[in-house]
Amino acid sequence: MPLNTPSHTGRLRFAVMGAGAVGCYFGALLARAGHAVTLIGRPDHVQAIQAHGLRLQTATQDTHVPLEGRPTEIGHLNGYVVQRGAALGVATPVNRALLVLVRMAEASGVRGPQDHQKT
């Protein structure tokens, strides 16, 4: 089934890229409305979401929203481009470099530019 095709129940499936404060807020609202939501974000956020779900706290409500969290989609995005390029004999050096760099960052626990020391 395509990603945003309604099922027989009328539910939609959403993937929120960038599960920070804003992404988590809108993901929680979509989930509370009955849609299937996967949050994709930094490893530390994903681990917390997987372990505890999400707390949606506003001026009018404070509730727990169970959600699925996943690490970056680098393998599905740039990994696919690299794989198809190899199959077609087309070089994809930028996509390959992004794939390698993001996987290295995920493995080392680097969350973003704030984790790199300035020299």
PDB file of N, CA and C in Angstrom:
ATOM      1  N   MET A   1       0.852  -1.177   0.000  1.00  0.00           N
ATOM      2  CA  MET A   1       0.000   0.000   0.000  1.00  0.00           C
ATOM      3  C   MET A   1       0.894   1.235   0.000  1.00  0.00           C
ATOM      4  N   PRO A   2       0.641   2.208  -0.853  1.00  0.00           N
ATOM      5  CA  PRO A   2       1.426   3.454  -0.839  1.00  0.00           C
ATOM      6  C   PRO A   2       1.348   4.128   0.526  1.00  0.00           C
ATOM      7  N   LEU A   3       2.354   4.922   0.827  1.00  0.00           N
ATOM      8  CA  LEU A   3       2.493   5.511   2.158  1.00  0.00           C
ATOM      9  C   LEU A   3       1.264   6.270   2.629  1.00  0.00           C
ATOM     10  N   ASN A   4       0.673   7.104   1.804  1.00  0.00           N
ATOM     11  CA  ASN A   4      -0.449   7.918   2.269  1.00  0.00           C
ATOM     12  C   ASN A   4      -1.775   7.533   1.628  1.00  0.00           C
ATOM     13  N   THR A   5      -1.971   6.252   1.398  1.00  0.00           N
ATOM     14  CA  THR A   5      -3.251   5.780   0.899  1.00  0.00           C
ATOM     15  C   THR A   5      -4.093   5.361   2.095  1.00  0.00           C
ATOM     16  N   PRO A   6      -5.305   5.890   2.225  1.00  0.00           N
ATOM     17  CA  PRO A   6      -6.131   5.493   3.361  1.00  0.00           C
ATOM     18  C   PRO A   6      -6.430   4.001   3.321  1.00  0.00           C
ATOM     19  N   SER A   7      -6.359   3.351   4.446  1.00  0.00           N
ATOM     20  CA  SER A   7      -6.753   1.951   4.531  1.00  0.00           C
ATOM     21  C   SER A   7      -8.270   1.884   4.628  1.00  0.00           C
ATOM     22  N   HIS A   8      -8.789   0.703   4.843  1.00  0.00           N
ATOM     23  CA  HIS A   8     -10.237   0.569   4.930  1.00  0.00           C
ATOM     24  C   HIS A   8     -10.814   1.315   6.127  1.00  0.00           C
ATOM     25  N   THR A   9      -9.977   1.687   7.091  1.00  0.00           N
ATOM     26  CA  THR A   9     -10.456   2.427   8.264  1.00  0.00           C
ATOM     27  C   THR A   9     -10.322   3.938   8.097  1.00  0.00           C
ATOM     28  N   GLY A  10      -9.707   4.386   7.010  1.00  0.00           N
ATOM     29  CA  GLY A  10      -9.522   5.818   6.804  1.00  0.00           C
ATOM     30  C   GLY A  10      -8.277   6.374   7.463  1.00  0.00           C
ATOM     31  N   ARG A  11      -7.475   5.499   8.108  1.00  0.00           N
ATOM     32  CA  ARG A  11      -6.234   5.950   8.750  1.00  0.00           C
ATOM     33  C   ARG A  11      -5.167   6.188   7.706  1.00  0.00           C
ATOM     34  N   LEU A  12      -4.328   7.185   7.949  1.00  0.00           N
ATOM     35  CA  LEU A  12      -3.180   7.453   7.101  1.00  0.00           C
ATOM     36  C   LEU A  12      -1.915   7.055   7.843  1.00  0.00           C
ATOM     37  N   ARG A  13      -0.852   6.788   7.110  1.00  0.00           N
ATOM     38  CA  ARG A  13       0.442   6.479   7.705  1.00  0.00           C
ATOM     39  C   ARG A  13       1.381   7.654   7.445  1.00  0.00           C
ATOM     40  N   PHE A  14       2.020   8.150   8.503  1.00  0.00           N
ATOM     41  CA  PHE A  14       2.926   9.288   8.393  1.00  0.00           C
ATOM     42  C   PHE A  14       4.297   8.911   8.934  1.00  0.00           C
ATOM     43  N   ALA A  15       5.338   9.422   8.302  1.00  0.00           N
ATOM     44  CA  ALA A  15       6.692   9.363   8.824  1.00  0.00           C
ATOM     45  C   ALA A  15       7.138  10.810   9.003  1.00  0.00           C
ATOM     46  N   VAL A  16       7.487  11.174  10.218  1.00  0.00           N
ATOM     47  CA  VAL A  16       7.919  12.541  10.512  1.00  0.00           C
ATOM     48  C   VAL A  16       9.439  12.543  10.566  1.00  0.00           C
ATOM     49  N   MET A  17      10.052  13.176   9.557  1.00  0.00           N
ATOM     50  CA  MET A  17      11.508  13.281   9.508  1.00  0.00           C
ATOM     51  C   MET A  17      11.924  14.470  10.387  1.00  0.00           C
ATOM     52  N   GLY A  18      12.791  14.207  11.339  1.00  0.00           N
ATOM     53  CA  GLY A  18      13.234  15.271  12.230  1.00  0.00           C
ATOM     54  C   GLY A  18      12.368  15.315  13.474  1.00  0.00           C
ATOM     55  N   ALA A  19      12.509  14.304  14.319  1.00  0.00           N
ATOM     56  CA  ALA A  19      11.673  14.190  15.507  1.00  0.00           C
ATOM     57  C   ALA A  19      12.255  15.011  16.655  1.00  0.00           C
ATOM     58  N   GLY A  20      12.306  16.327  16.453  1.00  0.00           N
ATOM     59  CA  GLY A  20      12.680  17.245  17.523  1.00  0.00           C
ATOM     60  C   GLY A  20      11.404  17.738  18.185  1.00  0.00           C
ATOM     61  N   ALA A  21      11.438  18.903  18.748  1.00  0.00           N
ATOM     62  CA  ALA A  21      10.267  19.438  19.457  1.00  0.00           C
ATOM     63  C   ALA A  21       9.067  19.599  18.529  1.00  0.00           C
ATOM     64  N   VAL A  22       9.263  20.218  17.384  1.00  0.00           N
ATOM     65  CA  VAL A  22       8.145  20.482  16.468  1.00  0.00           C
ATOM     66  C   VAL A  22       7.663  19.189  15.816  1.00  0.00           C
ATOM     67  N   GLY A  23       8.592  18.361  15.330  1.00  0.00           N
ATOM     68  CA  GLY A  23       8.204  17.097  14.707  1.00  0.00           C
ATOM     69  C   GLY A  23       7.462  16.184  15.660  1.00  0.00           C
ATOM     70  N   CYS A  24       7.932  16.109  16.912  1.00  0.00           N
ATOM     71  CA  CYS A  24       7.260  15.276  17.909  1.00  0.00           C
ATOM     72  C   CYS A  24       5.872  15.824  18.235  1.00  0.00           C
ATOM     73  N   TYR A  25       5.739  17.143  18.318  1.00  0.00           N
ATOM     74  CA  TYR A  25       4.436  17.748  18.616  1.00  0.00           C
ATOM     75  C   TYR A  25       3.412  17.387  17.549  1.00  0.00           C
ATOM     76  N   PHE A  26       3.772  17.618  16.274  1.00  0.00           N
ATOM     77  CA  PHE A  26       2.816  17.319  15.207  1.00  0.00           C
ATOM     78  C   PHE A  26       2.605  15.817  15.045  1.00  0.00           C
ATOM     79  N   GLY A  27       3.653  15.031  15.263  1.00  0.00           N
ATOM     80  CA  GLY A  27       3.494  13.578  15.230  1.00  0.00           C
ATOM     81  C   GLY A  27       2.533  13.096  16.296  1.00  0.00           C
ATOM     82  N   ALA A  28       2.632  13.665  17.494  1.00  0.00           N
ATOM     83  CA  ALA A  28       1.721  13.291  18.580  1.00  0.00           C
ATOM     84  C   ALA A  28       0.281  13.676  18.256  1.00  0.00           C
ATOM     85  N   LEU A  29       0.091  14.860  17.663  1.00  0.00           N
ATOM     86  CA  LEU A  29      -1.271  15.264  17.284  1.00  0.00           C
ATOM     87  C   LEU A  29      -1.857  14.324  16.236  1.00  0.00           C
ATOM     88  N   LEU A  30      -1.046  13.933  15.250  1.00  0.00           N
ATOM     89  CA  LEU A  30      -1.514  12.996  14.223  1.00  0.00           C
ATOM     90  C   LEU A  30      -1.853  11.637  14.840  1.00  0.00           C
ATOM     91  N   ALA A  31      -1.006  11.171  15.760  1.00  0.00           N
ATOM     92  CA  ALA A  31      -1.255   9.884  16.415  1.00  0.00           C
ATOM     93  C   ALA A  31      -2.528   9.932  17.253  1.00  0.00           C
ATOM     94  N   ARG A  32      -2.732  11.029  17.974  1.00  0.00           N
ATOM     95  CA  ARG A  32      -3.959  11.163  18.790  1.00  0.00           C
ATOM     96  C   ARG A  32      -5.211  11.214  17.919  1.00  0.00           C
ATOM     97  N   ALA A  33      -5.042  11.658  16.663  1.00  0.00           N
ATOM     98  CA  ALA A  33      -6.174  11.699  15.736  1.00  0.00           C
ATOM     99  C   ALA A  33      -6.430  10.324  15.112  1.00  0.00           C
ATOM    100  N   GLY A  34      -5.611   9.329  15.481  1.00  0.00           N
ATOM    101  CA  GLY A  34      -5.852   7.974  15.025  1.00  0.00           C
ATOM    102  C   GLY A  34      -5.005   7.500  13.866  1.00  0.00           C
ATOM    103  N   HIS A  35      -4.040   8.308  13.445  1.00  0.00           N
ATOM    104  CA  HIS A  35      -3.195   7.918  12.320  1.00  0.00           C
ATOM    105  C   HIS A  35      -1.958   7.165  12.813  1.00  0.00           C
ATOM    106  N   ALA A  36      -1.396   6.336  11.939  1.00  0.00           N
ATOM    107  CA  ALA A  36      -0.155   5.615  12.247  1.00  0.00           C
ATOM    108  C   ALA A  36       1.017   6.555  11.989  1.00  0.00           C
ATOM    109  N   VAL A  37       1.842   6.783  13.005  1.00  0.00           N
ATOM    110  CA  VAL A  37       2.936   7.753  12.903  1.00  0.00           C
ATOM    111  C   VAL A  37       4.243   7.090  13.321  1.00  0.00           C
ATOM    112  N   THR A  38       5.276   7.282  12.520  1.00  0.00           N
ATOM    113  CA  THR A  38       6.632   6.880  12.875  1.00  0.00           C
ATOM    114  C   THR A  38       7.485   8.137  12.910  1.00  0.00           C
ATOM    115  N   LEU A  39       8.166   8.345  14.031  1.00  0.00           N
ATOM    116  CA  LEU A  39       9.059   9.489  14.177  1.00  0.00           C
ATOM    117  C   LEU A  39      10.471   9.045  13.829  1.00  0.00           C
ATOM    118  N   ILE A  40      11.150   9.813  13.007  1.00  0.00           N
ATOM    119  CA  ILE A  40      12.514   9.497  12.586  1.00  0.00           C
ATOM    120  C   ILE A  40      13.400  10.625  13.067  1.00  0.00           C
ATOM    121  N   GLY A  41      14.393  10.288  13.892  1.00  0.00           N
ATOM    122  CA  GLY A  41      15.210  11.355  14.455  1.00  0.00           C
ATOM    123  C   GLY A  41      16.543  10.886  14.975  1.00  0.00           C
ATOM    124  N   ARG A  42      17.134  11.713  15.779  1.00  0.00           N
ATOM    125  CA  ARG A  42      18.444  11.444  16.350  1.00  0.00           C
ATOM    126  C   ARG A  42      18.362  10.253  17.297  1.00  0.00           C
ATOM    127  N   PRO A  43      19.468   9.500  17.407  1.00  0.00           N
ATOM    128  CA  PRO A  43      19.443   8.284  18.223  1.00  0.00           C
ATOM    129  C   PRO A  43      18.967   8.480  19.652  1.00  0.00           C
ATOM    130  N   ASP A  44      19.375   9.567  20.322  1.00  0.00           N
ATOM    131  CA  ASP A  44      18.952   9.751  21.713  1.00  0.00           C
ATOM    132  C   ASP A  44      17.447  10.004  21.813  1.00  0.00           C
ATOM    133  N   HIS A  45      16.876  10.751  20.872  1.00  0.00           N
ATOM    134  CA  HIS A  45      15.431  10.969  20.875  1.00  0.00           C
ATOM    135  C   HIS A  45      14.693   9.671  20.577  1.00  0.00           C
ATOM    136  N   VAL A  46      15.193   8.935  19.597  1.00  0.00           N
ATOM    137  CA  VAL A  46      14.548   7.682  19.199  1.00  0.00           C
ATOM    138  C   VAL A  46      14.536   6.698  20.367  1.00  0.00           C
ATOM    139  N   GLN A  47      15.649   6.583  21.067  1.00  0.00           N
ATOM    140  CA  GLN A  47      15.715   5.661  22.206  1.00  0.00           C
ATOM    141  C   GLN A  47      14.715   6.050  23.287  1.00  0.00           C
ATOM    142  N   ALA A  48      14.597   7.326  23.578  1.00  0.00           N
ATOM    143  CA  ALA A  48      13.640   7.782  24.594  1.00  0.00           C
ATOM    144  C   ALA A  48      12.202   7.516  24.146  1.00  0.00           C
ATOM    145  N   ILE A  49      11.898   7.753  22.875  1.00  0.00           N
ATOM    146  CA  ILE A  49      10.549   7.514  22.362  1.00  0.00           C
ATOM    147  C   ILE A  49      10.229   6.033  22.397  1.00  0.00           C
ATOM    148  N   GLN A  50      11.187   5.185  22.004  1.00  0.00           N
ATOM    149  CA  GLN A  50      10.964   3.748  22.030  1.00  0.00           C
ATOM    150  C   GLN A  50      10.730   3.253  23.456  1.00  0.00           C
ATOM    151  N   ALA A  51      11.459   3.811  24.399  1.00  0.00           N
ATOM    152  CA  ALA A  51      11.350   3.368  25.787  1.00  0.00           C
ATOM    153  C   ALA A  51      10.108   3.895  26.495  1.00  0.00           C
ATOM    154  N   HIS A  52       9.722   5.139  26.209  1.00  0.00           N
ATOM    155  CA  HIS A  52       8.685   5.789  27.012  1.00  0.00           C
ATOM    156  C   HIS A  52       7.500   6.340  26.232  1.00  0.00           C
ATOM    157  N   GLY A  53       7.539   6.296  24.911  1.00  0.00           N
ATOM    158  CA  GLY A  53       6.506   6.976  24.137  1.00  0.00           C
ATOM    159  C   GLY A  53       6.754   8.469  24.188  1.00  0.00           C
ATOM    160  N   LEU A  54       5.715   9.234  24.014  1.00  0.00           N
ATOM    161  CA  LEU A  54       5.857  10.680  23.950  1.00  0.00           C
ATOM    162  C   LEU A  54       4.870  11.347  24.895  1.00  0.00           C
ATOM    163  N   ARG A  55       5.307  12.369  25.580  1.00  0.00           N
ATOM    164  CA  ARG A  55       4.426  13.152  26.447  1.00  0.00           C
ATOM    165  C   ARG A  55       4.015  14.400  25.685  1.00  0.00           C
ATOM    166  N   LEU A  56       2.714  14.542  25.467  1.00  0.00           N
ATOM    167  CA  LEU A  56       2.174  15.724  24.788  1.00  0.00           C
ATOM    168  C   LEU A  56       1.629  16.644  25.869  1.00  0.00           C
ATOM    169  N   GLN A  57       2.306  17.759  26.054  1.00  0.00           N
ATOM    170  CA  GLN A  57       1.958  18.691  27.115  1.00  0.00           C
ATOM    171  C   GLN A  57       1.670  20.055  26.496  1.00  0.00           C
ATOM    172  N   THR A  58       0.430  20.501  26.630  1.00  0.00           N
ATOM    173  CA  THR A  58       0.027  21.814  26.128  1.00  0.00           C
ATOM    174  C   THR A  58      -0.688  22.543  27.255  1.00  0.00           C
ATOM    175  N   ALA A  59      -1.209  23.727  26.962  1.00  0.00           N
ATOM    176  CA  ALA A  59      -1.937  24.493  27.973  1.00  0.00           C
ATOM    177  C   ALA A  59      -3.248  23.798  28.365  1.00  0.00           C
ATOM    178  N   THR A  60      -3.774  22.944  27.478  1.00  0.00           N
ATOM    179  CA  THR A  60      -5.069  22.312  27.747  1.00  0.00           C
ATOM    180  C   THR A  60      -4.994  20.826  28.007  1.00  0.00           C
ATOM    181  N   GLN A  61      -3.833  20.202  27.812  1.00  0.00           N
ATOM    182  CA  GLN A  61      -3.746  18.763  28.042  1.00  0.00           C
ATOM    183  C   GLN A  61      -2.333  18.343  28.399  1.00  0.00           C
ATOM    184  N   ASP A  62      -2.238  17.228  29.092  1.00  0.00           N
ATOM    185  CA  ASP A  62      -0.971  16.605  29.439  1.00  0.00           C
ATOM    186  C   ASP A  62      -1.205  15.110  29.350  1.00  0.00           C
ATOM    187  N   THR A  63      -0.765  14.503  28.254  1.00  0.00           N
ATOM    188  CA  THR A  63      -1.101  13.109  28.008  1.00  0.00           C
ATOM    189  C   THR A  63       0.086  12.345  27.439  1.00  0.00           C
ATOM    190  N   HIS A  64       0.046  11.038  27.544  1.00  0.00           N
ATOM    191  CA  HIS A  64       1.072  10.151  27.006  1.00  0.00           C
ATOM    192  C   HIS A  64       0.590   9.607  25.665  1.00  0.00           C
ATOM    193  N   VAL A  65       1.463   9.649  24.661  1.00  0.00           N
ATOM    194  CA  VAL A  65       1.125   9.155  23.321  1.00  0.00           C
ATOM    195  C   VAL A  65       2.138   8.084  22.949  1.00  0.00           C
ATOM    196  N   PRO A  66       1.716   6.819  22.843  1.00  0.00           N
ATOM    197  CA  PRO A  66       2.668   5.795  22.420  1.00  0.00           C
ATOM    198  C   PRO A  66       2.972   5.949  20.927  1.00  0.00           C
ATOM    199  N   LEU A  67       4.240   6.030  20.584  1.00  0.00           N
ATOM    200  CA  LEU A  67       4.657   6.189  19.195  1.00  0.00           C
ATOM    201  C   LEU A  67       5.857   5.307  18.910  1.00  0.00           C
ATOM    202  N   GLU A  68       6.056   5.014  17.637  1.00  0.00           N
ATOM    203  CA  GLU A  68       7.215   4.260  17.182  1.00  0.00           C
ATOM    204  C   GLU A  68       8.290   5.252  16.770  1.00  0.00           C
ATOM    205  N   GLY A  69       9.517   5.008  17.196  1.00  0.00           N
ATOM    206  CA  GLY A  69      10.634   5.848  16.780  1.00  0.00           C
ATOM    207  C   GLY A  69      11.653   5.023  16.031  1.00  0.00           C
ATOM    208  N   ARG A  70      12.276   5.629  15.032  1.00  0.00           N
ATOM    209  CA  ARG A  70      13.308   4.926  14.263  1.00  0.00           C
ATOM    210  C   ARG A  70      14.469   5.868  14.028  1.00  0.00           C
ATOM    211  N   PRO A  71      15.684   5.293  13.950  1.00  0.00           N
ATOM    212  CA  PRO A  71      16.823   6.144  13.632  1.00  0.00           C
ATOM    213  C   PRO A  71      16.734   6.636  12.193  1.00  0.00           C
ATOM    214  N   THR A  72      17.740   7.360  11.759  1.00  0.00           N
ATOM    215  CA  THR A  72      17.700   7.956  10.427  1.00  0.00           C
ATOM    216  C   THR A  72      17.390   6.925   9.356  1.00  0.00           C
ATOM    217  N   GLU A  73      16.884   7.394   8.255  1.00  0.00           N
ATOM    218  CA  GLU A  73      16.524   6.543   7.125  1.00  0.00           C
ATOM    219  C   GLU A  73      17.611   6.550   6.060  1.00  0.00           C
ATOM    220  N   ILE A  74      18.845   6.721   6.461  1.00  0.00           N
ATOM    221  CA  ILE A  74      19.923   6.880   5.488  1.00  0.00           C
ATOM    222  C   ILE A  74      20.040   5.680   4.562  1.00  0.00           C
ATOM    223  N   GLY A  75      19.851   4.477   5.064  1.00  0.00           N
ATOM    224  CA  GLY A  75      19.958   3.289   4.234  1.00  0.00           C
ATOM    225  C   GLY A  75      18.877   3.219   3.177  1.00  0.00           C
ATOM    226  N   HIS A  76      17.686   3.689   3.529  1.00  0.00           N
ATOM    227  CA  HIS A  76      16.579   3.637   2.581  1.00  0.00           C
ATOM    228  C   HIS A  76      16.664   4.761   1.551  1.00  0.00           C
ATOM    229  N   LEU A  77      17.224   5.867   1.936  1.00  0.00           N
ATOM    230  CA  LEU A  77      17.292   7.000   1.015  1.00  0.00           C
ATOM    231  C   LEU A  77      18.561   6.951   0.170  1.00  0.00           C
ATOM    232  N   ASN A  78      19.690   7.342   0.746  1.00  0.00           N
ATOM    233  CA  ASN A  78      20.940   7.357  -0.016  1.00  0.00           C
ATOM    234  C   ASN A  78      21.444   5.954  -0.302  1.00  0.00           C
ATOM    235  N   GLY A  79      21.155   5.005   0.593  1.00  0.00           N
ATOM    236  CA  GLY A  79      21.568   3.625   0.349  1.00  0.00           C
ATOM    237  C   GLY A  79      20.945   3.069  -0.921  1.00  0.00           C
ATOM    238  N   TYR A  80      19.693   3.392  -1.138  1.00  0.00           N
ATOM    239  CA  TYR A  80      19.008   2.939  -2.348  1.00  0.00           C
ATOM    240  C   TYR A  80      19.629   3.570  -3.597  1.00  0.00           C
ATOM    241  N   VAL A  81      19.926   4.857  -3.528  1.00  0.00           N
ATOM    242  CA  VAL A  81      20.541   5.549  -4.672  1.00  0.00           C
ATOM    243  C   VAL A  81      21.898   4.921  -4.996  1.00  0.00           C
ATOM    244  N   VAL A  82      22.691   4.636  -3.963  1.00  0.00           N
ATOM    245  CA  VAL A  82      23.997   4.019  -4.168  1.00  0.00           C
ATOM    246  C   VAL A  82      23.837   2.634  -4.799  1.00  0.00           C
ATOM    247  N   GLN A  83      22.905   1.868  -4.291  1.00  0.00           N
ATOM    248  CA  GLN A  83      22.661   0.517  -4.800  1.00  0.00           C
ATOM    249  C   GLN A  83      22.205   0.542  -6.259  1.00  0.00           C
ATOM    250  N   ARG A  84      21.260   1.406  -6.575  1.00  0.00           N
ATOM    251  CA  ARG A  84      20.764   1.508  -7.961  1.00  0.00           C
ATOM    252  C   ARG A  84      21.843   2.036  -8.890  1.00  0.00           C
ATOM    253  N   GLY A  85      22.629   3.003  -8.415  1.00  0.00           N
ATOM    254  CA  GLY A  85      23.721   3.522  -9.224  1.00  0.00           C
ATOM    255  C   GLY A  85      24.709   2.421  -9.578  1.00  0.00           C
ATOM    256  N   ALA A  86      25.057   1.595  -8.590  1.00  0.00           N
ATOM    257  CA  ALA A  86      25.982   0.486  -8.845  1.00  0.00           C
ATOM    258  C   ALA A  86      25.390  -0.495  -9.856  1.00  0.00           C
ATOM    259  N   ALA A  87      24.104  -0.779  -9.720  1.00  0.00           N
ATOM    260  CA  ALA A  87      23.452  -1.705 -10.646  1.00  0.00           C
ATOM    261  C   ALA A  87      23.414  -1.166 -12.069  1.00  0.00           C
ATOM    262  N   LEU A  88      23.327   0.154 -12.203  1.00  0.00           N
ATOM    263  CA  LEU A  88      23.240   0.784 -13.526  1.00  0.00           C
ATOM    264  C   LEU A  88      24.593   1.270 -14.049  1.00  0.00           C
ATOM    265  N   GLY A  89      25.628   1.097 -13.245  1.00  0.00           N
ATOM    266  CA  GLY A  89      26.950   1.562 -13.659  1.00  0.00           C
ATOM    267  C   GLY A  89      27.119   3.065 -13.572  1.00  0.00           C
ATOM    268  N   VAL A  90      26.368   3.715 -12.677  1.00  0.00           N
ATOM    269  CA  VAL A  90      26.431   5.167 -12.511  1.00  0.00           C
ATOM    270  C   VAL A  90      27.102   5.468 -11.167  1.00  0.00           C
ATOM    271  N   ALA A  91      28.115   6.307 -11.190  1.00  0.00           N
ATOM    272  CA  ALA A  91      28.807   6.681  -9.954  1.00  0.00           C
ATOM    273  C   ALA A  91      27.918   7.584  -9.103  1.00  0.00           C
ATOM    274  N   THR A  92      27.913   7.345  -7.817  1.00  0.00           N
ATOM    275  CA  THR A  92      27.129   8.166  -6.876  1.00  0.00           C
ATOM    276  C   THR A  92      28.010   8.533  -5.678  1.00  0.00           C
ATOM    277  N   PRO A  93      29.093   9.271  -5.903  1.00  0.00           N
ATOM    278  CA  PRO A  93      30.046   9.529  -4.819  1.00  0.00           C
ATOM    279  C   PRO A  93      29.479  10.355  -3.666  1.00  0.00           C
ATOM    280  N   VAL A  94      28.628  11.312  -3.943  1.00  0.00           N
ATOM    281  CA  VAL A  94      28.073  12.142  -2.865  1.00  0.00           C
ATOM    282  C   VAL A  94      27.120  11.319  -2.008  1.00  0.00           C
ATOM    283  N   ASN A  95      26.263  10.542  -2.645  1.00  0.00           N
ATOM    284  CA  ASN A  95      25.332   9.701  -1.891  1.00  0.00           C
ATOM    285  C   ASN A  95      26.086   8.659  -1.062  1.00  0.00           C
ATOM    286  N   ARG A  96      27.135   8.085  -1.643  1.00  0.00           N
ATOM    287  CA  ARG A  96      27.938   7.096  -0.913  1.00  0.00           C
ATOM    288  C   ARG A  96      28.612   7.756   0.294  1.00  0.00           C
ATOM    289  N   ALA A  97      29.162   8.955   0.106  1.00  0.00           N
ATOM    290  CA  ALA A  97      29.812   9.663   1.215  1.00  0.00           C
ATOM    291  C   ALA A  97      28.817   9.979   2.322  1.00  0.00           C
ATOM    292  N   LEU A  98      27.620  10.449   1.970  1.00  0.00           N
ATOM    293  CA  LEU A  98      26.590  10.729   2.975  1.00  0.00           C
ATOM    294  C   LEU A  98      26.204   9.462   3.737  1.00  0.00           C
ATOM    295  N   LEU A  99      26.044   8.377   3.018  1.00  0.00           N
ATOM    296  CA  LEU A  99      25.700   7.102   3.633  1.00  0.00           C
ATOM    297  C   LEU A  99      26.748   6.700   4.666  1.00  0.00           C
ATOM    298  N   VAL A 100      28.011   6.762   4.275  1.00  0.00           N
ATOM    299  CA  VAL A 100      29.104   6.377   5.173  1.00  0.00           C
ATOM    300  C   VAL A 100      29.190   7.318   6.373  1.00  0.00           C
ATOM    301  N   LEU A 101      29.128   8.624   6.135  1.00  0.00           N
ATOM    302  CA  LEU A 101      29.268   9.602   7.224  1.00  0.00           C
ATOM    303  C   LEU A 101      28.131   9.510   8.236  1.00  0.00           C
ATOM    304  N   VAL A 102      26.900   9.373   7.769  1.00  0.00           N
ATOM    305  CA  VAL A 102      25.772   9.288   8.700  1.00  0.00           C
ATOM    306  C   VAL A 102      25.828   7.985   9.489  1.00  0.00           C
ATOM    307  N   ARG A 103      26.182   6.890   8.845  1.00  0.00           N
ATOM    308  CA  ARG A 103      26.304   5.622   9.584  1.00  0.00           C
ATOM    309  C   ARG A 103      27.412   5.700  10.633  1.00  0.00           C
ATOM    310  N   MET A 104      28.515   6.376  10.307  1.00  0.00           N
ATOM    311  CA  MET A 104      29.587   6.555  11.288  1.00  0.00           C
ATOM    312  C   MET A 104      29.094   7.397  12.465  1.00  0.00           C
ATOM    313  N   ALA A 105      28.355   8.450  12.183  1.00  0.00           N
ATOM    314  CA  ALA A 105      27.829   9.307  13.247  1.00  0.00           C
ATOM    315  C   ALA A 105      26.847   8.542  14.119  1.00  0.00           C
ATOM    316  N   GLU A 106      25.971   7.753  13.504  1.00  0.00           N
ATOM    317  CA  GLU A 106      25.017   6.947  14.278  1.00  0.00           C
ATOM    318  C   GLU A 106      25.747   5.974  15.197  1.00  0.00           C
ATOM    319  N   ALA A 107      26.774   5.314  14.660  1.00  0.00           N
ATOM    320  CA  ALA A 107      27.520   4.329  15.438  1.00  0.00           C
ATOM    321  C   ALA A 107      28.271   4.963  16.604  1.00  0.00           C
ATOM    322  N   SER A 108      28.725   6.207  16.423  1.00  0.00           N
ATOM    323  CA  SER A 108      29.501   6.861  17.481  1.00  0.00           C
ATOM    324  C   SER A 108      28.635   7.651  18.460  1.00  0.00           C
ATOM    325  N   GLY A 109      27.347   7.769  18.151  1.00  0.00           N
ATOM    326  CA  GLY A 109      26.455   8.502  19.044  1.00  0.00           C
ATOM    327  C   GLY A 109      26.431   9.998  18.814  1.00  0.00           C
ATOM    328  N   VAL A 110      27.076  10.482  17.762  1.00  0.00           N
ATOM    329  CA  VAL A 110      27.053  11.918  17.460  1.00  0.00           C
ATOM    330  C   VAL A 110      25.642  12.305  17.073  1.00  0.00           C
ATOM    331  N   ARG A 111      25.111  13.350  17.694  1.00  0.00           N
ATOM    332  CA  ARG A 111      23.736  13.775  17.451  1.00  0.00           C
ATOM    333  C   ARG A 111      23.641  14.948  16.479  1.00  0.00           C
ATOM    334  N   GLY A 112      24.672  15.746  16.379  1.00  0.00           N
ATOM    335  CA  GLY A 112      24.603  16.908  15.509  1.00  0.00           C
ATOM    336  C   GLY A 112      25.852  17.752  15.631  1.00  0.00           C
ATOM    337  N   PRO A 113      25.877  18.907  14.976  1.00  0.00           N
ATOM    338  CA  PRO A 113      27.063  19.757  14.990  1.00  0.00           C
ATOM    339  C   PRO A 113      27.506  20.159  16.382  1.00  0.00           C
ATOM    340  N   GLN A 114      26.584  20.251  17.326  1.00  0.00           N
ATOM    341  CA  GLN A 114      26.943  20.659  18.680  1.00  0.00           C
ATOM    342  C   GLN A 114      27.862  19.647  19.362  1.00  0.00           C
ATOM    343  N   ASP A 115      27.904  18.393  18.838  1.00  0.00           N
ATOM    344  CA  ASP A 115      28.747  17.359  19.439  1.00  0.00           C
ATOM    345  C   ASP A 115      30.176  17.370  18.914  1.00  0.00           C
ATOM    346  N   HIS A 116      30.461  18.162  17.889  1.00  0.00           N
ATOM    347  CA  HIS A 116      31.801  18.219  17.332  1.00  0.00           C
ATOM    348  C   HIS A 116      32.592  19.314  18.023  1.00  0.00           C
ATOM    349  N   GLN A 117      33.833  19.001  18.366  1.00  0.00           N
ATOM    350  CA  GLN A 117      34.690  19.993  18.988  1.00  0.00           C
ATOM    351  C   GLN A 117      35.227  20.939  17.926  1.00  0.00           C
ATOM    352  N   LYS A 118      35.275  22.202  18.270  1.00  0.00           N
ATOM    353  CA  LYS A 118      35.861  23.196  17.351  1.00  0.00           C
ATOM    354  C   LYS A 118      37.366  23.204  17.540  1.00  0.00           C
ATOM    355  N   THR A 119      38.074  23.259  16.411  1.00  0.00           N
ATOM    356  CA  THR A 119      39.536  23.265  16.506  1.00  0.00           C
ATOM    357  C   THR A 119      40.089  24.581  16.029  1.00  0.00           C
TER     358      THR A 119
END
